[in-house]
Amino acid sequence: MDYLNLKALVASVVYSLLGIIILVIAFVVIEKIAPENLWKKIVDEQNMALAIMAAGFMLAVAIIIGFASHG
């Protein structure tokens, strides 16, 4: 069972959870900095351009977090 390395599995789970937490915190910070409520605009007013911008931001932060935690 060399392919099932417990240390690597635990590290992967910890880094995944840490990355998700950092991503959520980054989105909350951007939400607070923005002049208007982004979530309300996306959900209530169905602003597609703002939704695409938020998705791009989350992808960019996720890539940065992934490379930072991978080494």
Protein backbone atom coordinates (compact mmCIF):
# COMPACT_ATOMS: atom_id res chain seq x y z
CA MET A 1 0.00 0.00 0.00
CA ASP A 2 2.76 2.45 -0.87
CA TYR A 3 0.39 4.31 -3.14
CA LEU A 4 -1.77 5.30 -0.14
CA ASN A 5 0.53 7.57 1.79
CA LEU A 6 -1.36 8.86 4.84
CA LYS A 7 0.94 11.84 5.33
CA ALA A 8 0.43 13.01 1.75
CA LEU A 9 -3.33 12.50 2.01
CA VAL A 10 -3.58 14.54 5.21
CA ALA A 11 -1.39 17.29 3.74
CA SER A 12 -3.57 17.41 0.64
CA VAL A 13 -6.76 17.74 2.67
CA VAL A 14 -5.26 20.41 4.94
CA TYR A 15 -3.97 22.45 2.01
CA SER A 16 -7.31 22.12 0.22
CA LEU A 17 -9.24 23.38 3.24
CA LEU A 18 -6.74 26.18 3.78
CA GLY A 19 -7.06 27.22 0.13
CA ILE A 20 -10.86 27.27 0.32
CA ILE A 21 -10.76 29.37 3.49
CA ILE A 22 -8.33 31.85 1.92
CA LEU A 23 -10.50 32.05 -1.21
CA VAL A 24 -13.62 32.83 0.83
CA ILE A 25 -11.77 35.46 2.87
CA ALA A 26 -10.47 37.09 -0.32
CA PHE A 27 -13.99 37.22 -1.77
CA VAL A 28 -15.36 38.75 1.45
CA VAL A 29 -12.61 41.40 1.39
CA ILE A 30 -13.43 42.29 -2.22
CA GLU A 31 -17.13 42.37 -1.29
CA LYS A 32 -16.37 44.87 1.49
CA ILE A 33 -14.11 47.03 -0.71
CA ALA A 34 -16.58 47.23 -3.60
CA PRO A 35 -18.83 50.29 -3.63
CA GLU A 36 -21.99 48.19 -3.99
CA ASN A 37 -23.10 44.78 -2.76
CA LEU A 38 -21.75 42.39 -5.42
CA TRP A 39 -23.70 39.36 -4.25
CA LYS A 40 -27.00 41.30 -4.36
CA LYS A 41 -26.25 42.58 -7.84
CA ILE A 42 -25.37 39.09 -9.10
CA VAL A 43 -28.29 37.23 -7.52
CA ASP A 44 -31.13 39.76 -7.45
CA GLU A 45 -30.38 41.83 -10.53
CA GLN A 46 -28.89 38.93 -12.56
CA ASN A 47 -25.86 41.00 -13.59
CA MET A 48 -24.02 38.54 -15.85
CA ALA A 49 -20.97 40.76 -16.41
CA LEU A 50 -20.42 41.11 -12.67
CA ALA A 51 -20.85 37.35 -12.22
CA ILE A 52 -18.19 36.68 -14.88
CA MET A 53 -15.87 39.20 -13.20
CA ALA A 54 -16.37 37.52 -9.81
CA ALA A 55 -15.74 34.09 -11.34
CA GLY A 56 -12.54 35.35 -12.96
CA PHE A 57 -11.40 36.80 -9.66
CA MET A 58 -12.06 33.51 -7.87
CA LEU A 59 -10.22 31.51 -10.55
CA ALA A 60 -7.23 33.85 -10.38
CA VAL A 61 -7.04 33.66 -6.58
CA ALA A 62 -7.49 29.87 -6.70
CA ILE A 63 -4.59 29.53 -9.15
CA ILE A 64 -2.39 31.72 -6.96
CA ILE A 65 -3.31 29.74 -3.84
CA GLY A 66 -2.76 26.45 -5.66
CA PHE A 67 0.72 27.38 -6.84
CA ALA A 68 1.64 28.86 -3.46
CA SER A 69 0.60 25.75 -1.57
CA HIS A 70 2.07 23.33 -4.11
CA GLY A 71 5.51 24.76 -3.88
